[in-house]
Amino acid sequence: MRRNGILLAMFLAATAQAQPAPETQAEVARLLDYLQHSGCRFQRNGSWHDPTEARAHLERKYRYLLDKGMVDRTEDFIARAATESSISGRPYLVRCGDGEPVPSAQWLGAELRRLRSE
C-alpha cells in the first residue's frame, strides 16, 4: 500500500508541474478570447479560417502542449502553438479587415504586451 501511495504522490507532482501558473493560464485564455472576438481571419496551411475555427485549433494545440508539459509561460504558447503549423512549418497569419496579413506571433505578442500593460 505504501508503494501505491508513493506512486500516486509522484504522479500528482508530475501532473501539477505540467500546468503553467494561473497567470499564464489566464493570459492564454485572454489571448484566445481576443482572437475569437477580433473578427480577424486566421490562415494556416494556406487556408483562411474564421476566428472560432482558429480558436478551436489553437486550443487543441494548447491542450496537447499542456499534456506534454511544454507550456510554462504565455510566450511558450505563442511560440509552440500559435506561430506555425506543426505539420508543414508554414507560419500562421492573421488578417483583420482589409489590412495586410501579419504573422500570428507578432499579432498575439502585441496583444500580450497590451494586456500586461493594463
PDB file of N, CA and C in Angstrom:
ATOM      1  N   MET A   1       0.825  -1.195   0.000  1.00  0.00           N
ATOM      2  CA  MET A   1       0.000   0.000   0.000  1.00  0.00           C
ATOM      3  C   MET A   1       0.869   1.259   0.000  1.00  0.00           C
ATOM      4  N   ARG A   2       1.967   1.221   0.734  1.00  0.00           N
ATOM      5  CA  ARG A   2       2.837   2.386   0.787  1.00  0.00           C
ATOM      6  C   ARG A   2       3.414   2.699  -0.592  1.00  0.00           C
ATOM      7  N   ARG A   3       3.760   1.647  -1.345  1.00  0.00           N
ATOM      8  CA  ARG A   3       4.299   1.845  -2.692  1.00  0.00           C
ATOM      9  C   ARG A   3       3.277   2.550  -3.581  1.00  0.00           C
ATOM     10  N   ASN A   4       2.010   2.166  -3.503  1.00  0.00           N
ATOM     11  CA  ASN A   4       0.961   2.815  -4.281  1.00  0.00           C
ATOM     12  C   ASN A   4       0.827   4.286  -3.904  1.00  0.00           C
ATOM     13  N   GLY A   5       0.953   4.580  -2.615  1.00  0.00           N
ATOM     14  CA  GLY A   5       0.885   5.966  -2.157  1.00  0.00           C
ATOM     15  C   GLY A   5       2.026   6.796  -2.710  1.00  0.00           C
ATOM     16  N   ILE A   6       3.220   6.219  -2.760  1.00  0.00           N
ATOM     17  CA  ILE A   6       4.383   6.923  -3.313  1.00  0.00           C
ATOM     18  C   ILE A   6       4.187   7.160  -4.807  1.00  0.00           C
ATOM     19  N   LEU A   7       3.701   6.135  -5.516  1.00  0.00           N
ATOM     20  CA  LEU A   7       3.455   6.291  -6.953  1.00  0.00           C
ATOM     21  C   LEU A   7       2.398   7.356  -7.219  1.00  0.00           C
ATOM     22  N   LEU A   8       1.356   7.370  -6.399  1.00  0.00           N
ATOM     23  CA  LEU A   8       0.315   8.379  -6.557  1.00  0.00           C
ATOM     24  C   LEU A   8       0.886   9.774  -6.304  1.00  0.00           C
ATOM     25  N   ALA A   9       1.688   9.919  -5.284  1.00  0.00           N
ATOM     26  CA  ALA A   9       2.299  11.216  -4.984  1.00  0.00           C
ATOM     27  C   ALA A   9       3.196  11.675  -6.137  1.00  0.00           C
ATOM     28  N   MET A  10       3.956  10.745  -6.701  1.00  0.00           N
ATOM     29  CA  MET A  10       4.816  11.096  -7.837  1.00  0.00           C
ATOM     30  C   MET A  10       3.977  11.518  -9.040  1.00  0.00           C
ATOM     31  N   PHE A  11       2.887  10.804  -9.294  1.00  0.00           N
ATOM     32  CA  PHE A  11       2.009  11.143 -10.407  1.00  0.00           C
ATOM     33  C   PHE A  11       1.395  12.525 -10.202  1.00  0.00           C
ATOM     34  N   LEU A  12       0.903  12.785  -9.001  1.00  0.00           N
ATOM     35  CA  LEU A  12       0.282  14.083  -8.721  1.00  0.00           C
ATOM     36  C   LEU A  12       1.297  15.213  -8.839  1.00  0.00           C
ATOM     37  N   ALA A  13       2.509  14.987  -8.398  1.00  0.00           N
ATOM     38  CA  ALA A  13       3.550  16.010  -8.515  1.00  0.00           C
ATOM     39  C   ALA A  13       3.867  16.277  -9.977  1.00  0.00           C
ATOM     40  N   ALA A  14       3.972  15.236 -10.779  1.00  0.00           N
ATOM     41  CA  ALA A  14       4.250  15.408 -12.207  1.00  0.00           C
ATOM     42  C   ALA A  14       3.109  16.134 -12.894  1.00  0.00           C
ATOM     43  N   THR A  15       1.877  15.804 -12.533  1.00  0.00           N
ATOM     44  CA  THR A  15       0.718  16.455 -13.118  1.00  0.00           C
ATOM     45  C   THR A  15       0.685  17.930 -12.734  1.00  0.00           C
ATOM     46  N   ALA A  16       0.974  18.215 -11.484  1.00  0.00           N
ATOM     47  CA  ALA A  16       0.969  19.604 -11.029  1.00  0.00           C
ATOM     48  C   ALA A  16       2.038  20.412 -11.749  1.00  0.00           C
ATOM     49  N   GLN A  17       3.188  19.819 -12.031  1.00  0.00           N
ATOM     50  CA  GLN A  17       4.260  20.521 -12.718  1.00  0.00           C
ATOM     51  C   GLN A  17       3.909  20.790 -14.172  1.00  0.00           C
ATOM     52  N   ALA A  18       3.042  19.982 -14.753  1.00  0.00           N
ATOM     53  CA  ALA A  18       2.696  20.137 -16.155  1.00  0.00           C
ATOM     54  C   ALA A  18       1.812  21.359 -16.398  1.00  0.00           C
ATOM     55  N   GLN A  19       1.182  21.870 -15.365  1.00  0.00           N
ATOM     56  CA  GLN A  19       0.289  23.010 -15.510  1.00  0.00           C
ATOM     57  C   GLN A  19       1.061  24.312 -15.317  1.00  0.00           C
ATOM     58  N   PRO A  20       0.868  25.262 -16.224  1.00  0.00           N
ATOM     59  CA  PRO A  20       1.519  26.561 -16.018  1.00  0.00           C
ATOM     60  C   PRO A  20       0.857  27.316 -14.872  1.00  0.00           C
ATOM     61  N   ALA A  21       1.507  28.375 -14.467  1.00  0.00           N
ATOM     62  CA  ALA A  21       0.982  29.224 -13.394  1.00  0.00           C
ATOM     63  C   ALA A  21      -0.397  29.762 -13.770  1.00  0.00           C
ATOM     64  N   PRO A  22      -1.229  30.045 -12.776  1.00  0.00           N
ATOM     65  CA  PRO A  22      -2.559  30.589 -13.060  1.00  0.00           C
ATOM     66  C   PRO A  22      -2.512  31.857 -13.922  1.00  0.00           C
ATOM     67  N   GLU A  23      -1.491  32.694 -13.724  1.00  0.00           N
ATOM     68  CA  GLU A  23      -1.372  33.914 -14.528  1.00  0.00           C
ATOM     69  C   GLU A  23      -1.183  33.572 -16.005  1.00  0.00           C
ATOM     70  N   THR A  24      -0.387  32.554 -16.271  1.00  0.00           N
ATOM     71  CA  THR A  24      -0.165  32.130 -17.653  1.00  0.00           C
ATOM     72  C   THR A  24      -1.453  31.581 -18.243  1.00  0.00           C
ATOM     73  N   GLN A  25      -2.141  30.753 -17.480  1.00  0.00           N
ATOM     74  CA  GLN A  25      -3.407  30.198 -17.966  1.00  0.00           C
ATOM     75  C   GLN A  25      -4.393  31.314 -18.275  1.00  0.00           C
ATOM     76  N   ALA A  26      -4.446  32.321 -17.427  1.00  0.00           N
ATOM     77  CA  ALA A  26      -5.366  33.442 -17.642  1.00  0.00           C
ATOM     78  C   ALA A  26      -4.968  34.245 -18.882  1.00  0.00           C
ATOM     79  N   GLU A  27      -3.673  34.474 -19.075  1.00  0.00           N
ATOM     80  CA  GLU A  27      -3.228  35.213 -20.259  1.00  0.00           C
ATOM     81  C   GLU A  27      -3.553  34.453 -21.545  1.00  0.00           C
ATOM     82  N   VAL A  28      -3.304  33.147 -21.546  1.00  0.00           N
ATOM     83  CA  VAL A  28      -3.616  32.351 -22.740  1.00  0.00           C
ATOM     84  C   VAL A  28      -5.113  32.401 -23.018  1.00  0.00           C
ATOM     85  N   ALA A  29      -5.920  32.273 -21.987  1.00  0.00           N
ATOM     86  CA  ALA A  29      -7.376  32.344 -22.165  1.00  0.00           C
ATOM     87  C   ALA A  29      -7.777  33.696 -22.750  1.00  0.00           C
ATOM     88  N   ARG A  30      -7.162  34.760 -22.278  1.00  0.00           N
ATOM     89  CA  ARG A  30      -7.496  36.097 -22.786  1.00  0.00           C
ATOM     90  C   ARG A  30      -7.060  36.257 -24.238  1.00  0.00           C
ATOM     91  N   LEU A  31      -5.910  35.684 -24.594  1.00  0.00           N
ATOM     92  CA  LEU A  31      -5.468  35.742 -25.988  1.00  0.00           C
ATOM     93  C   LEU A  31      -6.425  34.963 -26.894  1.00  0.00           C
ATOM     94  N   LEU A  32      -6.865  33.811 -26.435  1.00  0.00           N
ATOM     95  CA  LEU A  32      -7.819  33.027 -27.222  1.00  0.00           C
ATOM     96  C   LEU A  32      -9.149  33.761 -27.368  1.00  0.00           C
ATOM     97  N   ASP A  33      -9.600  34.403 -26.298  1.00  0.00           N
ATOM     98  CA  ASP A  33     -10.822  35.218 -26.366  1.00  0.00           C
ATOM     99  C   ASP A  33     -10.646  36.376 -27.350  1.00  0.00           C
ATOM    100  N   TYR A  34      -9.479  37.022 -27.262  1.00  0.00           N
ATOM    101  CA  TYR A  34      -9.181  38.140 -28.165  1.00  0.00           C
ATOM    102  C   TYR A  34      -9.254  37.683 -29.615  1.00  0.00           C
ATOM    103  N   LEU A  35      -8.638  36.549 -29.907  1.00  0.00           N
ATOM    104  CA  LEU A  35      -8.681  36.009 -31.266  1.00  0.00           C
ATOM    105  C   LEU A  35     -10.123  35.738 -31.690  1.00  0.00           C
ATOM    106  N   GLN A  36     -10.868  35.065 -30.850  1.00  0.00           N
ATOM    107  CA  GLN A  36     -12.235  34.678 -31.202  1.00  0.00           C
ATOM    108  C   GLN A  36     -13.129  35.886 -31.452  1.00  0.00           C
ATOM    109  N   HIS A  37     -12.941  36.951 -30.714  1.00  0.00           N
ATOM    110  CA  HIS A  37     -13.824  38.115 -30.821  1.00  0.00           C
ATOM    111  C   HIS A  37     -13.226  39.244 -31.678  1.00  0.00           C
ATOM    112  N   SER A  38     -12.090  38.984 -32.298  1.00  0.00           N
ATOM    113  CA  SER A  38     -11.409  40.023 -33.077  1.00  0.00           C
ATOM    114  C   SER A  38     -12.070  40.318 -34.413  1.00  0.00           C
ATOM    115  N   GLY A  39     -12.803  39.339 -34.959  1.00  0.00           N
ATOM    116  CA  GLY A  39     -13.344  39.497 -36.302  1.00  0.00           C
ATOM    117  C   GLY A  39     -12.293  39.279 -37.379  1.00  0.00           C
ATOM    118  N   CYS A  40     -11.082  38.922 -36.980  1.00  0.00           N
ATOM    119  CA  CYS A  40      -9.996  38.719 -37.928  1.00  0.00           C
ATOM    120  C   CYS A  40      -9.976  37.285 -38.438  1.00  0.00           C
ATOM    121  N   ARG A  41      -9.422  37.109 -39.611  1.00  0.00           N
ATOM    122  CA  ARG A  41      -9.276  35.779 -40.220  1.00  0.00           C
ATOM    123  C   ARG A  41      -7.892  35.243 -39.868  1.00  0.00           C
ATOM    124  N   PHE A  42      -7.793  33.931 -39.849  1.00  0.00           N
ATOM    125  CA  PHE A  42      -6.576  33.241 -39.421  1.00  0.00           C
ATOM    126  C   PHE A  42      -6.173  32.257 -40.508  1.00  0.00           C
ATOM    127  N   GLN A  43      -4.965  32.387 -41.007  1.00  0.00           N
ATOM    128  CA  GLN A  43      -4.512  31.492 -42.067  1.00  0.00           C
ATOM    129  C   GLN A  43      -3.571  30.434 -41.512  1.00  0.00           C
ATOM    130  N   ARG A  44      -3.887  29.181 -41.869  1.00  0.00           N
ATOM    131  CA  ARG A  44      -2.962  28.086 -41.575  1.00  0.00           C
ATOM    132  C   ARG A  44      -2.934  27.158 -42.772  1.00  0.00           C
ATOM    133  N   ASN A  45      -1.733  26.798 -43.152  1.00  0.00           N
ATOM    134  CA  ASN A  45      -1.502  25.919 -44.308  1.00  0.00           C
ATOM    135  C   ASN A  45      -2.214  26.398 -45.567  1.00  0.00           C
ATOM    136  N   GLY A  46      -2.214  27.718 -45.768  1.00  0.00           N
ATOM    137  CA  GLY A  46      -2.744  28.295 -46.994  1.00  0.00           C
ATOM    138  C   GLY A  46      -4.240  28.538 -47.023  1.00  0.00           C
ATOM    139  N   SER A  47      -4.971  28.142 -45.981  1.00  0.00           N
ATOM    140  CA  SER A  47      -6.426  28.335 -45.941  1.00  0.00           C
ATOM    141  C   SER A  47      -6.788  29.312 -44.836  1.00  0.00           C
ATOM    142  N   TRP A  48      -7.756  30.182 -45.154  1.00  0.00           N
ATOM    143  CA  TRP A  48      -8.231  31.148 -44.171  1.00  0.00           C
ATOM    144  C   TRP A  48      -9.359  30.538 -43.356  1.00  0.00           C
ATOM    145  N   HIS A  49      -9.358  30.844 -42.061  1.00  0.00           N
ATOM    146  CA  HIS A  49     -10.367  30.316 -41.131  1.00  0.00           C
ATOM    147  C   HIS A  49     -10.950  31.461 -40.329  1.00  0.00           C
ATOM    148  N   ASP A  50     -12.214  31.285 -39.938  1.00  0.00           N
ATOM    149  CA  ASP A  50     -12.848  32.307 -39.109  1.00  0.00           C
ATOM    150  C   ASP A  50     -12.284  32.209 -37.685  1.00  0.00           C
ATOM    151  N   PRO A  51     -12.527  33.237 -36.878  1.00  0.00           N
ATOM    152  CA  PRO A  51     -11.939  33.275 -35.538  1.00  0.00           C
ATOM    153  C   PRO A  51     -12.338  32.102 -34.639  1.00  0.00           C
ATOM    154  N   THR A  52     -13.553  31.613 -34.778  1.00  0.00           N
ATOM    155  CA  THR A  52     -13.991  30.486 -33.944  1.00  0.00           C
ATOM    156  C   THR A  52     -13.214  29.222 -34.295  1.00  0.00           C
ATOM    157  N   GLU A  53     -13.034  28.974 -35.583  1.00  0.00           N
ATOM    158  CA  GLU A  53     -12.238  27.822 -36.012  1.00  0.00           C
ATOM    159  C   GLU A  53     -10.788  27.969 -35.565  1.00  0.00           C
ATOM    160  N   ALA A  54     -10.260  29.179 -35.681  1.00  0.00           N
ATOM    161  CA  ALA A  54      -8.877  29.428 -35.283  1.00  0.00           C
ATOM    162  C   ALA A  54      -8.694  29.163 -33.792  1.00  0.00           C
ATOM    163  N   ARG A  55      -9.618  29.647 -32.996  1.00  0.00           N
ATOM    164  CA  ARG A  55      -9.524  29.421 -31.561  1.00  0.00           C
ATOM    165  C   ARG A  55      -9.560  27.929 -31.243  1.00  0.00           C
ATOM    166  N   ALA A  56     -10.481  27.212 -31.844  1.00  0.00           N
ATOM    167  CA  ALA A  56     -10.594  25.771 -31.589  1.00  0.00           C
ATOM    168  C   ALA A  56      -9.291  25.054 -31.946  1.00  0.00           C
ATOM    169  N   HIS A  57      -8.699  25.441 -33.062  1.00  0.00           N
ATOM    170  CA  HIS A  57      -7.444  24.821 -33.478  1.00  0.00           C
ATOM    171  C   HIS A  57      -6.329  25.103 -32.465  1.00  0.00           C
ATOM    172  N   LEU A  58      -6.199  26.359 -32.066  1.00  0.00           N
ATOM    173  CA  LEU A  58      -5.142  26.716 -31.119  1.00  0.00           C
ATOM    174  C   LEU A  58      -5.387  26.112 -29.740  1.00  0.00           C
ATOM    175  N   GLU A  59      -6.639  25.978 -29.351  1.00  0.00           N
ATOM    176  CA  GLU A  59      -6.948  25.320 -28.072  1.00  0.00           C
ATOM    177  C   GLU A  59      -6.522  23.853 -28.096  1.00  0.00           C
ATOM    178  N   ARG A  60      -6.746  23.172 -29.224  1.00  0.00           N
ATOM    179  CA  ARG A  60      -6.310  21.770 -29.339  1.00  0.00           C
ATOM    180  C   ARG A  60      -4.798  21.667 -29.201  1.00  0.00           C
ATOM    181  N   LYS A  61      -4.099  22.570 -29.879  1.00  0.00           N
ATOM    182  CA  LYS A  61      -2.641  22.553 -29.794  1.00  0.00           C
ATOM    183  C   LYS A  61      -2.175  22.883 -28.372  1.00  0.00           C
ATOM    184  N   TYR A  62      -2.845  23.822 -27.732  1.00  0.00           N
ATOM    185  CA  TYR A  62      -2.512  24.203 -26.354  1.00  0.00           C
ATOM    186  C   TYR A  62      -2.707  23.019 -25.402  1.00  0.00           C
ATOM    187  N   ARG A  63      -3.831  22.330 -25.507  1.00  0.00           N
ATOM    188  CA  ARG A  63      -4.076  21.165 -24.644  1.00  0.00           C
ATOM    189  C   ARG A  63      -3.005  20.091 -24.857  1.00  0.00           C
ATOM    190  N   TYR A  64      -2.633  19.872 -26.106  1.00  0.00           N
ATOM    191  CA  TYR A  64      -1.581  18.898 -26.405  1.00  0.00           C
ATOM    192  C   TYR A  64      -0.276  19.302 -25.707  1.00  0.00           C
ATOM    193  N   LEU A  65       0.092  20.568 -25.836  1.00  0.00           N
ATOM    194  CA  LEU A  65       1.318  21.055 -25.209  1.00  0.00           C
ATOM    195  C   LEU A  65       1.241  20.970 -23.689  1.00  0.00           C
ATOM    196  N   LEU A  66       0.078  21.255 -23.119  1.00  0.00           N
ATOM    197  CA  LEU A  66      -0.085  21.124 -21.671  1.00  0.00           C
ATOM    198  C   LEU A  66       0.131  19.684 -21.238  1.00  0.00           C
ATOM    199  N   ASP A  67      -0.431  18.746 -21.989  1.00  0.00           N
ATOM    200  CA  ASP A  67      -0.255  17.327 -21.665  1.00  0.00           C
ATOM    201  C   ASP A  67       1.207  16.914 -21.691  1.00  0.00           C
ATOM    202  N   LYS A  68       1.992  17.572 -22.533  1.00  0.00           N
ATOM    203  CA  LYS A  68       3.422  17.266 -22.650  1.00  0.00           C
ATOM    204  C   LYS A  68       4.279  18.113 -21.707  1.00  0.00           C
ATOM    205  N   GLY A  69       3.634  19.010 -20.938  1.00  0.00           N
ATOM    206  CA  GLY A  69       4.367  19.882 -20.023  1.00  0.00           C
ATOM    207  C   GLY A  69       5.250  20.887 -20.747  1.00  0.00           C
ATOM    208  N   MET A  70       4.779  21.373 -21.894  1.00  0.00           N
ATOM    209  CA  MET A  70       5.604  22.239 -22.739  1.00  0.00           C
ATOM    210  C   MET A  70       5.197  23.712 -22.712  1.00  0.00           C
ATOM    211  N   VAL A  71       4.345  24.094 -21.766  1.00  0.00           N
ATOM    212  CA  VAL A  71       3.947  25.498 -21.655  1.00  0.00           C
ATOM    213  C   VAL A  71       4.145  25.950 -20.219  1.00  0.00           C
ATOM    214  N   ASP A  72       5.169  26.753 -20.020  1.00  0.00           N
ATOM    215  CA  ASP A  72       5.407  27.351 -18.713  1.00  0.00           C
ATOM    216  C   ASP A  72       4.982  28.815 -18.696  1.00  0.00           C
ATOM    217  N   ARG A  73       5.135  29.477 -19.841  1.00  0.00           N
ATOM    218  CA  ARG A  73       4.844  30.904 -19.961  1.00  0.00           C
ATOM    219  C   ARG A  73       3.925  31.134 -21.154  1.00  0.00           C
ATOM    220  N   THR A  74       3.280  32.243 -21.196  1.00  0.00           N
ATOM    221  CA  THR A  74       2.402  32.576 -22.311  1.00  0.00           C
ATOM    222  C   THR A  74       3.203  32.624 -23.612  1.00  0.00           C
ATOM    223  N   GLU A  75       4.434  33.078 -23.536  1.00  0.00           N
ATOM    224  CA  GLU A  75       5.291  33.116 -24.716  1.00  0.00           C
ATOM    225  C   GLU A  75       5.514  31.715 -25.285  1.00  0.00           C
ATOM    226  N   ASP A  76       5.523  30.698 -24.420  1.00  0.00           N
ATOM    227  CA  ASP A  76       5.639  29.313 -24.894  1.00  0.00           C
ATOM    228  C   ASP A  76       4.414  28.930 -25.717  1.00  0.00           C
ATOM    229  N   PHE A  77       3.242  29.329 -25.246  1.00  0.00           N
ATOM    230  CA  PHE A  77       2.015  29.072 -26.008  1.00  0.00           C
ATOM    231  C   PHE A  77       2.102  29.709 -27.386  1.00  0.00           C
ATOM    232  N   ILE A  78       2.500  30.970 -27.425  1.00  0.00           N
ATOM    233  CA  ILE A  78       2.580  31.662 -28.713  1.00  0.00           C
ATOM    234  C   ILE A  78       3.598  30.975 -29.622  1.00  0.00           C
ATOM    235  N   ALA A  79       4.776  30.695 -29.096  1.00  0.00           N
ATOM    236  CA  ALA A  79       5.848  30.116 -29.914  1.00  0.00           C
ATOM    237  C   ALA A  79       5.539  28.698 -30.374  1.00  0.00           C
ATOM    238  N   ARG A  80       4.964  27.892 -29.500  1.00  0.00           N
ATOM    239  CA  ARG A  80       4.797  26.468 -29.807  1.00  0.00           C
ATOM    240  C   ARG A  80       3.440  26.103 -30.388  1.00  0.00           C
ATOM    241  N   ALA A  81       2.421  26.917 -30.128  1.00  0.00           N
ATOM    242  CA  ALA A  81       1.082  26.579 -30.607  1.00  0.00           C
ATOM    243  C   ALA A  81       0.556  27.555 -31.647  1.00  0.00           C
ATOM    244  N   ALA A  82       0.948  28.821 -31.569  1.00  0.00           N
ATOM    245  CA  ALA A  82       0.258  29.845 -32.351  1.00  0.00           C
ATOM    246  C   ALA A  82       1.136  30.564 -33.373  1.00  0.00           C
ATOM    247  N   THR A  83       2.285  30.009 -33.681  1.00  0.00           N
ATOM    248  CA  THR A  83       3.200  30.668 -34.613  1.00  0.00           C
ATOM    249  C   THR A  83       3.206  30.024 -35.986  1.00  0.00           C
ATOM    250  N   GLU A  84       3.207  28.685 -36.015  1.00  0.00           N
ATOM    251  CA  GLU A  84       3.310  27.994 -37.294  1.00  0.00           C
ATOM    252  C   GLU A  84       2.675  26.616 -37.206  1.00  0.00           C
ATOM    253  N   SER A  85       2.430  26.052 -38.376  1.00  0.00           N
ATOM    254  CA  SER A  85       1.865  24.715 -38.460  1.00  0.00           C
ATOM    255  C   SER A  85       2.892  23.692 -37.983  1.00  0.00           C
ATOM    256  N   SER A  86       2.457  22.805 -37.119  1.00  0.00           N
ATOM    257  CA  SER A  86       3.328  21.727 -36.658  1.00  0.00           C
ATOM    258  C   SER A  86       3.576  20.720 -37.773  1.00  0.00           C
ATOM    259  N   ILE A  87       2.699  20.689 -38.739  1.00  0.00           N
ATOM    260  CA  ILE A  87       2.805  19.721 -39.833  1.00  0.00           C
ATOM    261  C   ILE A  87       3.675  20.260 -40.968  1.00  0.00           C
ATOM    262  N   SER A  88       3.344  21.447 -41.457  1.00  0.00           N
ATOM    263  CA  SER A  88       4.043  21.982 -42.623  1.00  0.00           C
ATOM    264  C   SER A  88       5.170  22.946 -42.273  1.00  0.00           C
ATOM    265  N   GLY A  89       5.123  23.522 -41.067  1.00  0.00           N
ATOM    266  CA  GLY A  89       6.105  24.532 -40.698  1.00  0.00           C
ATOM    267  C   GLY A  89       5.788  25.910 -41.262  1.00  0.00           C
ATOM    268  N   ARG A  90       4.681  26.035 -42.010  1.00  0.00           N
ATOM    269  CA  ARG A  90       4.303  27.329 -42.569  1.00  0.00           C
ATOM    270  C   ARG A  90       3.785  28.237 -41.468  1.00  0.00           C
ATOM    271  N   PRO A  91       4.183  29.515 -41.501  1.00  0.00           N
ATOM    272  CA  PRO A  91       3.722  30.435 -40.453  1.00  0.00           C
ATOM    273  C   PRO A  91       2.228  30.691 -40.544  1.00  0.00           C
ATOM    274  N   TYR A  92       1.630  30.890 -39.374  1.00  0.00           N
ATOM    275  CA  TYR A  92       0.235  31.308 -39.309  1.00  0.00           C
ATOM    276  C   TYR A  92       0.191  32.816 -39.540  1.00  0.00           C
ATOM    277  N   LEU A  93      -0.886  33.267 -40.180  1.00  0.00           N
ATOM    278  CA  LEU A  93      -1.087  34.689 -40.439  1.00  0.00           C
ATOM    279  C   LEU A  93      -2.452  35.115 -39.915  1.00  0.00           C
ATOM    280  N   VAL A  94      -2.563  36.396 -39.590  1.00  0.00           N
ATOM    281  CA  VAL A  94      -3.829  36.991 -39.166  1.00  0.00           C
ATOM    282  C   VAL A  94      -4.092  38.191 -40.060  1.00  0.00           C
ATOM    283  N   ARG A  95      -5.337  38.290 -40.545  1.00  0.00           N
ATOM    284  CA  ARG A  95      -5.723  39.451 -41.354  1.00  0.00           C
ATOM    285  C   ARG A  95      -6.996  40.029 -40.774  1.00  0.00           C
ATOM    286  N   CYS A  96      -6.926  41.281 -40.434  1.00  0.00           N
ATOM    287  CA  CYS A  96      -8.074  41.984 -39.873  1.00  0.00           C
ATOM    288  C   CYS A  96      -8.609  42.944 -40.932  1.00  0.00           C
ATOM    289  N   GLY A  97      -9.871  42.775 -41.285  1.00  0.00           N
ATOM    290  CA  GLY A  97     -10.488  43.629 -42.300  1.00  0.00           C
ATOM    291  C   GLY A  97      -9.743  43.533 -43.618  1.00  0.00           C
ATOM    292  N   ASP A  98      -9.477  44.701 -44.210  1.00  0.00           N
ATOM    293  CA  ASP A  98      -8.765  44.762 -45.481  1.00  0.00           C
ATOM    294  C   ASP A  98      -7.268  44.942 -45.290  1.00  0.00           C
ATOM    295  N   GLY A  99      -6.823  44.868 -44.044  1.00  0.00           N
ATOM    296  CA  GLY A  99      -5.408  45.065 -43.760  1.00  0.00           C
ATOM    297  C   GLY A  99      -4.538  43.944 -44.309  1.00  0.00           C
ATOM    298  N   GLU A 100      -3.257  44.198 -44.333  1.00  0.00           N
ATOM    299  CA  GLU A 100      -2.292  43.193 -44.762  1.00  0.00           C
ATOM    300  C   GLU A 100      -2.179  42.101 -43.700  1.00  0.00           C
ATOM    301  N   PRO A 101      -2.032  40.859 -44.117  1.00  0.00           N
ATOM    302  CA  PRO A 101      -1.804  39.782 -43.139  1.00  0.00           C
ATOM    303  C   PRO A 101      -0.505  40.018 -42.376  1.00  0.00           C
ATOM    304  N   VAL A 102      -0.539  39.670 -41.097  1.00  0.00           N
ATOM    305  CA  VAL A 102       0.661  39.757 -40.264  1.00  0.00           C
ATOM    306  C   VAL A 102       0.893  38.389 -39.621  1.00  0.00           C
ATOM    307  N   PRO A 103       2.134  38.074 -39.297  1.00  0.00           N
ATOM    308  CA  PRO A 103       2.396  36.807 -38.604  1.00  0.00           C
ATOM    309  C   PRO A 103       1.628  36.756 -37.285  1.00  0.00           C
ATOM    310  N   SER A 104       1.017  35.618 -37.024  1.00  0.00           N
ATOM    311  CA  SER A 104       0.205  35.485 -35.813  1.00  0.00           C
ATOM    312  C   SER A 104       1.027  35.709 -34.547  1.00  0.00           C
ATOM    313  N   ALA A 105       2.286  35.302 -34.537  1.00  0.00           N
ATOM    314  CA  ALA A 105       3.125  35.507 -33.354  1.00  0.00           C
ATOM    315  C   ALA A 105       3.281  36.995 -33.064  1.00  0.00           C
ATOM    316  N   GLN A 106       3.437  37.793 -34.103  1.00  0.00           N
ATOM    317  CA  GLN A 106       3.546  39.246 -33.943  1.00  0.00           C
ATOM    318  C   GLN A 106       2.229  39.821 -33.426  1.00  0.00           C
ATOM    319  N   TRP A 107       1.122  39.378 -34.005  1.00  0.00           N
ATOM    320  CA  TRP A 107      -0.205  39.874 -33.644  1.00  0.00           C
ATOM    321  C   TRP A 107      -0.542  39.525 -32.196  1.00  0.00           C
ATOM    322  N   LEU A 108      -0.325  38.265 -31.816  1.00  0.00           N
ATOM    323  CA  LEU A 108      -0.616  37.834 -30.442  1.00  0.00           C
ATOM    324  C   LEU A 108       0.377  38.443 -29.453  1.00  0.00           C
ATOM    325  N   GLY A 109       1.626  38.584 -29.864  1.00  0.00           N
ATOM    326  CA  GLY A 109       2.622  39.213 -28.997  1.00  0.00           C
ATOM    327  C   GLY A 109       2.264  40.656 -28.664  1.00  0.00           C
ATOM    328  N   ALA A 110       1.755  41.383 -29.665  1.00  0.00           N
ATOM    329  CA  ALA A 110       1.337  42.768 -29.427  1.00  0.00           C
ATOM    330  C   ALA A 110       0.175  42.809 -28.443  1.00  0.00           C
ATOM    331  N   GLU A 111      -0.760  41.889 -28.579  1.00  0.00           N
ATOM    332  CA  GLU A 111      -1.891  41.861 -27.650  1.00  0.00           C
ATOM    333  C   GLU A 111      -1.424  41.470 -26.262  1.00  0.00           C
ATOM    334  N   LEU A 112      -0.493  40.547 -26.154  1.00  0.00           N
ATOM    335  CA  LEU A 112       0.037  40.149 -24.838  1.00  0.00           C
ATOM    336  C   LEU A 112       0.710  41.353 -24.163  1.00  0.00           C
ATOM    337  N   ARG A 113       1.494  42.120 -24.916  1.00  0.00           N
ATOM    338  CA  ARG A 113       2.121  43.306 -24.322  1.00  0.00           C
ATOM    339  C   ARG A 113       1.068  44.304 -23.861  1.00  0.00           C
ATOM    340  N   ARG A 114      -0.018  44.458 -24.657  1.00  0.00           N
ATOM    341  CA  ARG A 114      -1.092  45.362 -24.256  1.00  0.00           C
ATOM    342  C   ARG A 114      -1.768  44.885 -22.975  1.00  0.00           C
ATOM    343  N   LEU A 115      -2.052  43.570 -22.897  1.00  0.00           N
ATOM    344  CA  LEU A 115      -2.672  43.013 -21.690  1.00  0.00           C
ATOM    345  C   LEU A 115      -1.809  43.255 -20.454  1.00  0.00           C
ATOM    346  N   ARG A 116      -0.534  43.055 -20.608  1.00  0.00           N
ATOM    347  CA  ARG A 116       0.379  43.202 -19.470  1.00  0.00           C
ATOM    348  C   ARG A 116       0.569  44.653 -19.049  1.00  0.00           C
ATOM    349  N   SER A 117       0.288  45.568 -19.946  1.00  0.00           N
ATOM    350  CA  SER A 117       0.458  46.990 -19.615  1.00  0.00           C
ATOM    351  C   SER A 117      -0.764  47.572 -18.924  1.00  0.00           C
ATOM    352  N   GLU A 118      -1.874  46.800 -18.890  1.00  0.00           N
ATOM    353  CA  GLU A 118      -3.108  47.281 -18.256  1.00  0.00           C
ATOM    354  C   GLU A 118      -2.943  47.425 -16.763  1.00  0.00           C
TER     355      GLU A 118
END
